[in-house]
Amino acid sequence: MADRTAEFSAYVAARQHALVRTAFLLTGDHHTAEDLAQTALARTYLAWERIRDKGSLDAYVRRVMVNEHTTWWRRAWRRRERSTDNVPEEEAWSPPDMGERAEVWTLVCSLPPRQRAAVVLRYYEDLSEAETAQALGCSVGTVKSQTSRAIATLRERLAGDEPRSTSYLTAEGGS
């Protein structure tokens, strides 16, 4: 038991920031991201003894986060939940101000959950199609179709504005 706790604590200490960042990319809200990361880590701790390949812990936790986020999104009451009026003094992580990319990020946040998860894992987390498919629990073909639809939607929404460069919205490009 002590070894399990020590191993898990070391993992959390090393990876917590990256996991909260991924959760933020999935949720778009700092508080919800912290809740999602905490829930995923709690589930991981409970399954710690059953996880054979400790080298794939990030993939395991990402899969738990995606599944949990999908479950939360499906619950109508969860979408109506609001934070209290206690505002934290500073945010744990904020996306950098990057001009056009900030606009793209706003559009990514408006995508349906499965498309958003595919885009986040593929382009923001820089996972391969196979790794993304594993994290989402679907086929590589589904990842391709979800990212293709998402990119088409982003291009369409950007085209509604004034002309600008969208070279960073290519199928090969990423963040």
C-alpha atoms as a PDB file:
ATOM      1  CA  MET A   1       0.000   0.000   0.000  1.00  0.00           C
ATOM      2  CA  ALA A   2       2.798   2.438   0.894  1.00  0.00           C
ATOM      3  CA  ASP A   3       4.619   1.664  -2.373  1.00  0.00           C
ATOM      4  CA  ARG A   4       1.423   2.288  -4.338  1.00  0.00           C
ATOM      5  CA  THR A   5       0.876   5.604  -2.602  1.00  0.00           C
ATOM      6  CA  ALA A   6       4.501   6.670  -3.065  1.00  0.00           C
ATOM      7  CA  GLU A   7       4.509   5.719  -6.769  1.00  0.00           C
ATOM      8  CA  PHE A   8       1.199   7.471  -7.363  1.00  0.00           C
ATOM      9  CA  SER A   9       2.291  10.600  -5.478  1.00  0.00           C
ATOM     10  CA  ALA A  10       5.487  10.783  -7.531  1.00  0.00           C
ATOM     11  CA  TYR A  11       3.493  10.440 -10.744  1.00  0.00           C
ATOM     12  CA  VAL A  12       1.042  13.187  -9.726  1.00  0.00           C
ATOM     13  CA  ALA A  13       3.863  15.510  -8.670  1.00  0.00           C
ATOM     14  CA  ALA A  14       5.581  15.054 -12.028  1.00  0.00           C
ATOM     15  CA  ARG A  15       2.533  15.190 -14.317  1.00  0.00           C
ATOM     16  CA  GLN A  16      -0.150  17.258 -12.563  1.00  0.00           C
ATOM     17  CA  HIS A  17       0.461  20.480 -14.505  1.00  0.00           C
ATOM     18  CA  ALA A  18       0.335  18.724 -17.886  1.00  0.00           C
ATOM     19  CA  LEU A  19      -2.800  16.802 -16.911  1.00  0.00           C
ATOM     20  CA  VAL A  20      -4.618  19.949 -15.760  1.00  0.00           C
ATOM     21  CA  ARG A  21      -3.573  21.622 -19.028  1.00  0.00           C
ATOM     22  CA  THR A  22      -5.072  18.750 -21.025  1.00  0.00           C
ATOM     23  CA  ALA A  23      -8.220  18.904 -18.904  1.00  0.00           C
ATOM     24  CA  PHE A  24      -8.451  22.654 -19.556  1.00  0.00           C
ATOM     25  CA  LEU A  25      -8.135  22.063 -23.289  1.00  0.00           C
ATOM     26  CA  LEU A  26     -11.002  19.577 -23.058  1.00  0.00           C
ATOM     27  CA  THR A  27     -13.278  21.697 -20.859  1.00  0.00           C
ATOM     28  CA  GLY A  28     -12.357  25.320 -21.561  1.00  0.00           C
ATOM     29  CA  ASP A  29     -12.796  26.217 -17.882  1.00  0.00           C
ATOM     30  CA  HIS A  30     -10.085  26.258 -15.209  1.00  0.00           C
ATOM     31  CA  HIS A  31     -12.281  25.093 -12.345  1.00  0.00           C
ATOM     32  CA  THR A  32     -13.883  22.298 -14.336  1.00  0.00           C
ATOM     33  CA  ALA A  33     -10.431  21.296 -15.603  1.00  0.00           C
ATOM     34  CA  GLU A  34      -9.123  20.949 -12.067  1.00  0.00           C
ATOM     35  CA  ASP A  35     -12.198  18.889 -11.121  1.00  0.00           C
ATOM     36  CA  LEU A  36     -11.743  16.702 -14.190  1.00  0.00           C
ATOM     37  CA  ALA A  37      -8.043  16.118 -13.530  1.00  0.00           C
ATOM     38  CA  GLN A  38      -8.740  15.330  -9.871  1.00  0.00           C
ATOM     39  CA  THR A  39     -11.496  12.868 -10.795  1.00  0.00           C
ATOM     40  CA  ALA A  40      -9.266  11.182 -13.385  1.00  0.00           C
ATOM     41  CA  LEU A  41      -6.422  10.898 -10.889  1.00  0.00           C
ATOM     42  CA  ALA A  42      -8.739   9.465  -8.226  1.00  0.00           C
ATOM     43  CA  ARG A  43      -9.943   6.820 -10.693  1.00  0.00           C
ATOM     44  CA  THR A  44      -6.349   6.103 -11.673  1.00  0.00           C
ATOM     45  CA  TYR A  45      -5.341   5.652  -8.038  1.00  0.00           C
ATOM     46  CA  LEU A  46      -8.148   3.130  -7.542  1.00  0.00           C
ATOM     47  CA  ALA A  47      -6.975   1.190 -10.606  1.00  0.00           C
ATOM     48  CA  TRP A  48      -3.245   1.574  -9.878  1.00  0.00           C
ATOM     49  CA  GLU A  49      -2.628  -2.118  -9.134  1.00  0.00           C
ATOM     50  CA  ARG A  50      -4.418  -3.179 -12.343  1.00  0.00           C
ATOM     51  CA  ILE A  51      -2.370  -0.880 -14.603  1.00  0.00           C
ATOM     52  CA  ARG A  52       0.331  -3.144 -16.015  1.00  0.00           C
ATOM     53  CA  ASP A  53       2.244  -0.707 -18.207  1.00  0.00           C
ATOM     54  CA  LYS A  54       3.214   2.200 -15.957  1.00  0.00           C
ATOM     55  CA  GLY A  55       4.961   3.761 -18.978  1.00  0.00           C
ATOM     56  CA  SER A  56       1.538   4.428 -20.489  1.00  0.00           C
ATOM     57  CA  LEU A  57       0.068   6.205 -17.486  1.00  0.00           C
ATOM     58  CA  ASP A  58      -0.454   9.480 -19.360  1.00  0.00           C
ATOM     59  CA  ALA A  59      -2.456   7.668 -22.034  1.00  0.00           C
ATOM     60  CA  TYR A  60      -4.503   5.917 -19.346  1.00  0.00           C
ATOM     61  CA  VAL A  61      -5.259   9.169 -17.490  1.00  0.00           C
ATOM     62  CA  ARG A  62      -6.097  11.001 -20.741  1.00  0.00           C
ATOM     63  CA  ARG A  63      -8.539   8.212 -21.614  1.00  0.00           C
ATOM     64  CA  VAL A  64     -10.160   8.526 -18.177  1.00  0.00           C
ATOM     65  CA  MET A  65     -10.393  12.320 -18.619  1.00  0.00           C
ATOM     66  CA  VAL A  66     -11.994  12.052 -22.060  1.00  0.00           C
ATOM     67  CA  ASN A  67     -14.496   9.447 -20.836  1.00  0.00           C
ATOM     68  CA  GLU A  68     -15.315  11.411 -17.705  1.00  0.00           C
ATOM     69  CA  HIS A  69     -15.671  14.671 -19.657  1.00  0.00           C
ATOM     70  CA  THR A  70     -18.045  12.972 -22.087  1.00  0.00           C
ATOM     71  CA  THR A  71     -20.098  11.658 -19.162  1.00  0.00           C
ATOM     72  CA  TRP A  72     -20.248  15.110 -17.591  1.00  0.00           C
ATOM     73  CA  TRP A  73     -21.234  16.713 -20.883  1.00  0.00           C
ATOM     74  CA  ARG A  74     -24.064  14.242 -21.360  1.00  0.00           C
ATOM     75  CA  ARG A  75     -25.612  15.120 -18.020  1.00  0.00           C
ATOM     76  CA  ALA A  76     -27.895  18.081 -18.535  1.00  0.00           C
ATOM     77  CA  TRP A  77     -27.634  19.161 -14.898  1.00  0.00           C
ATOM     78  CA  ARG A  78     -23.864  19.367 -15.214  1.00  0.00           C
ATOM     79  CA  ARG A  79     -24.103  21.958 -17.971  1.00  0.00           C
ATOM     80  CA  ARG A  80     -26.215  24.191 -15.726  1.00  0.00           C
ATOM     81  CA  GLU A  81     -23.814  24.003 -12.806  1.00  0.00           C
ATOM     82  CA  ARG A  82     -22.059  27.304 -12.113  1.00  0.00           C
ATOM     83  CA  SER A  83     -19.136  28.267  -9.950  1.00  0.00           C
ATOM     84  CA  THR A  84     -19.626  30.268  -6.783  1.00  0.00           C
ATOM     85  CA  ASP A  85     -18.892  33.960  -6.636  1.00  0.00           C
ATOM     86  CA  ASN A  86     -15.531  33.272  -4.935  1.00  0.00           C
ATOM     87  CA  VAL A  87     -12.987  34.129  -7.602  1.00  0.00           C
ATOM     88  CA  PRO A  88      -9.459  32.742  -7.188  1.00  0.00           C
ATOM     89  CA  GLU A  89      -6.671  35.278  -7.020  1.00  0.00           C
ATOM     90  CA  GLU A  90      -4.786  33.798  -9.970  1.00  0.00           C
ATOM     91  CA  GLU A  91      -5.340  31.121 -12.554  1.00  0.00           C
ATOM     92  CA  ALA A  92      -3.283  27.919 -12.587  1.00  0.00           C
ATOM     93  CA  TRP A  93      -2.763  28.068 -16.371  1.00  0.00           C
ATOM     94  CA  SER A  94      -3.907  30.395 -19.106  1.00  0.00           C
ATOM     95  CA  PRO A  95      -3.572  30.006 -22.832  1.00  0.00           C
ATOM     96  CA  PRO A  96      -1.077  32.538 -24.184  1.00  0.00           C
ATOM     97  CA  ASP A  97      -2.414  35.575 -26.014  1.00  0.00           C
ATOM     98  CA  MET A  98      -1.595  34.769 -29.605  1.00  0.00           C
ATOM     99  CA  GLY A  99      -3.831  36.980 -31.745  1.00  0.00           C
ATOM    100  CA  GLU A 100      -5.443  34.877 -34.464  1.00  0.00           C
ATOM    101  CA  ARG A 101      -4.756  31.671 -32.552  1.00  0.00           C
ATOM    102  CA  ALA A 102      -6.858  33.002 -29.686  1.00  0.00           C
ATOM    103  CA  GLU A 103      -9.717  33.370 -32.142  1.00  0.00           C
ATOM    104  CA  VAL A 104      -9.157  29.800 -33.353  1.00  0.00           C
ATOM    105  CA  TRP A 105      -9.120  28.594 -29.743  1.00  0.00           C
ATOM    106  CA  THR A 106     -12.488  30.294 -29.169  1.00  0.00           C
ATOM    107  CA  LEU A 107     -13.839  28.462 -32.197  1.00  0.00           C
ATOM    108  CA  VAL A 108     -12.346  25.151 -30.997  1.00  0.00           C
ATOM    109  CA  CYS A 109     -14.220  25.652 -27.719  1.00  0.00           C
ATOM    110  CA  SER A 110     -17.473  25.853 -29.684  1.00  0.00           C
ATOM    111  CA  LEU A 111     -17.010  22.452 -31.376  1.00  0.00           C
ATOM    112  CA  PRO A 112     -19.093  19.443 -30.273  1.00  0.00           C
ATOM    113  CA  PRO A 113     -17.353  17.454 -27.486  1.00  0.00           C
ATOM    114  CA  ARG A 114     -16.110  14.520 -29.621  1.00  0.00           C
ATOM    115  CA  GLN A 115     -14.707  16.810 -32.325  1.00  0.00           C
ATOM    116  CA  ARG A 116     -13.158  19.069 -29.720  1.00  0.00           C
ATOM    117  CA  ALA A 117     -11.556  16.100 -27.934  1.00  0.00           C
ATOM    118  CA  ALA A 118     -10.155  14.812 -31.240  1.00  0.00           C
ATOM    119  CA  VAL A 119      -8.701  18.236 -32.113  1.00  0.00           C
ATOM    120  CA  VAL A 120      -7.260  18.770 -28.631  1.00  0.00           C
ATOM    121  CA  LEU A 121      -5.593  15.365 -28.500  1.00  0.00           C
ATOM    122  CA  ARG A 122      -4.388  15.441 -32.132  1.00  0.00           C
ATOM    123  CA  TYR A 123      -3.140  19.003 -32.424  1.00  0.00           C
ATOM    124  CA  TYR A 124      -2.764  20.513 -28.965  1.00  0.00           C
ATOM    125  CA  GLU A 125      -1.397  17.356 -27.297  1.00  0.00           C
ATOM    126  CA  ASP A 126       0.324  16.275 -30.533  1.00  0.00           C
ATOM    127  CA  LEU A 127      -0.809  12.656 -30.326  1.00  0.00           C
ATOM    128  CA  SER A 128      -0.797  10.391 -33.371  1.00  0.00           C
ATOM    129  CA  GLU A 129      -4.078   9.244 -34.898  1.00  0.00           C
ATOM    130  CA  ALA A 130      -3.617   5.833 -33.258  1.00  0.00           C
ATOM    131  CA  GLU A 131      -2.905   7.361 -29.823  1.00  0.00           C
ATOM    132  CA  THR A 132      -5.898   9.669 -30.184  1.00  0.00           C
ATOM    133  CA  ALA A 133      -8.109   6.737 -31.172  1.00  0.00           C
ATOM    134  CA  GLN A 134      -6.915   4.813 -28.123  1.00  0.00           C
ATOM    135  CA  ALA A 135      -7.599   7.777 -25.820  1.00  0.00           C
ATOM    136  CA  LEU A 136     -11.077   8.282 -27.283  1.00  0.00           C
ATOM    137  CA  GLY A 137     -11.901   4.576 -27.414  1.00  0.00           C
ATOM    138  CA  CYS A 138     -12.703   4.625 -31.123  1.00  0.00           C
ATOM    139  CA  SER A 139     -11.162   3.659 -34.446  1.00  0.00           C
ATOM    140  CA  VAL A 140      -8.494   5.603 -36.310  1.00  0.00           C
ATOM    141  CA  GLY A 141     -11.082   6.222 -39.033  1.00  0.00           C
ATOM    142  CA  THR A 142     -13.363   7.893 -36.503  1.00  0.00           C
ATOM    143  CA  VAL A 143     -10.492  10.119 -35.361  1.00  0.00           C
ATOM    144  CA  LYS A 144      -9.840  11.074 -38.990  1.00  0.00           C
ATOM    145  CA  SER A 145     -13.497  11.873 -39.665  1.00  0.00           C
ATOM    146  CA  GLN A 146     -13.955  13.800 -36.404  1.00  0.00           C
ATOM    147  CA  THR A 147     -10.832  15.922 -36.973  1.00  0.00           C
ATOM    148  CA  SER A 148     -11.732  16.448 -40.631  1.00  0.00           C
ATOM    149  CA  ARG A 149     -15.219  17.654 -39.728  1.00  0.00           C
ATOM    150  CA  ALA A 150     -13.815  19.841 -36.969  1.00  0.00           C
ATOM    151  CA  ILE A 151     -11.261  21.461 -39.273  1.00  0.00           C
ATOM    152  CA  ALA A 152     -13.923  21.992 -41.954  1.00  0.00           C
ATOM    153  CA  THR A 153     -16.174  23.653 -39.368  1.00  0.00           C
ATOM    154  CA  LEU A 154     -13.319  25.863 -38.147  1.00  0.00           C
ATOM    155  CA  ARG A 155     -12.435  26.895 -41.704  1.00  0.00           C
ATOM    156  CA  GLU A 156     -16.076  27.634 -42.485  1.00  0.00           C
ATOM    157  CA  ARG A 157     -16.485  29.763 -39.380  1.00  0.00           C
ATOM    158  CA  LEU A 158     -13.249  31.618 -40.068  1.00  0.00           C
ATOM    159  CA  ALA A 159     -14.238  32.185 -43.714  1.00  0.00           C
ATOM    160  CA  GLY A 160     -17.306  34.076 -42.503  1.00  0.00           C
ATOM    161  CA  ASP A 161     -14.942  36.799 -41.256  1.00  0.00           C
ATOM    162  CA  GLU A 162     -12.493  38.943 -43.203  1.00  0.00           C
ATOM    163  CA  PRO A 163      -9.820  37.111 -45.222  1.00  0.00           C
ATOM    164  CA  ARG A 164      -6.847  35.926 -43.213  1.00  0.00           C
ATOM    165  CA  SER A 165      -4.228  33.226 -43.278  1.00  0.00           C
ATOM    166  CA  THR A 166      -5.471  29.854 -42.078  1.00  0.00           C
ATOM    167  CA  SER A 167      -2.306  27.926 -42.842  1.00  0.00           C
ATOM    168  CA  TYR A 168      -2.235  26.677 -39.262  1.00  0.00           C
ATOM    169  CA  LEU A 169      -5.570  24.890 -39.855  1.00  0.00           C
ATOM    170  CA  THR A 170      -4.160  22.282 -42.213  1.00  0.00           C
ATOM    171  CA  ALA A 171      -4.576  18.576 -41.624  1.00  0.00           C
ATOM    172  CA  GLU A 172      -0.817  18.310 -41.093  1.00  0.00           C
ATOM    173  CA  GLY A 173      -0.513  21.411 -38.924  1.00  0.00           C
ATOM    174  CA  GLY A 174      -1.343  21.653 -35.317  1.00  0.00           C
ATOM    175  CA  SER A 175      -1.631  24.152 -32.592  1.00  0.00           C
END
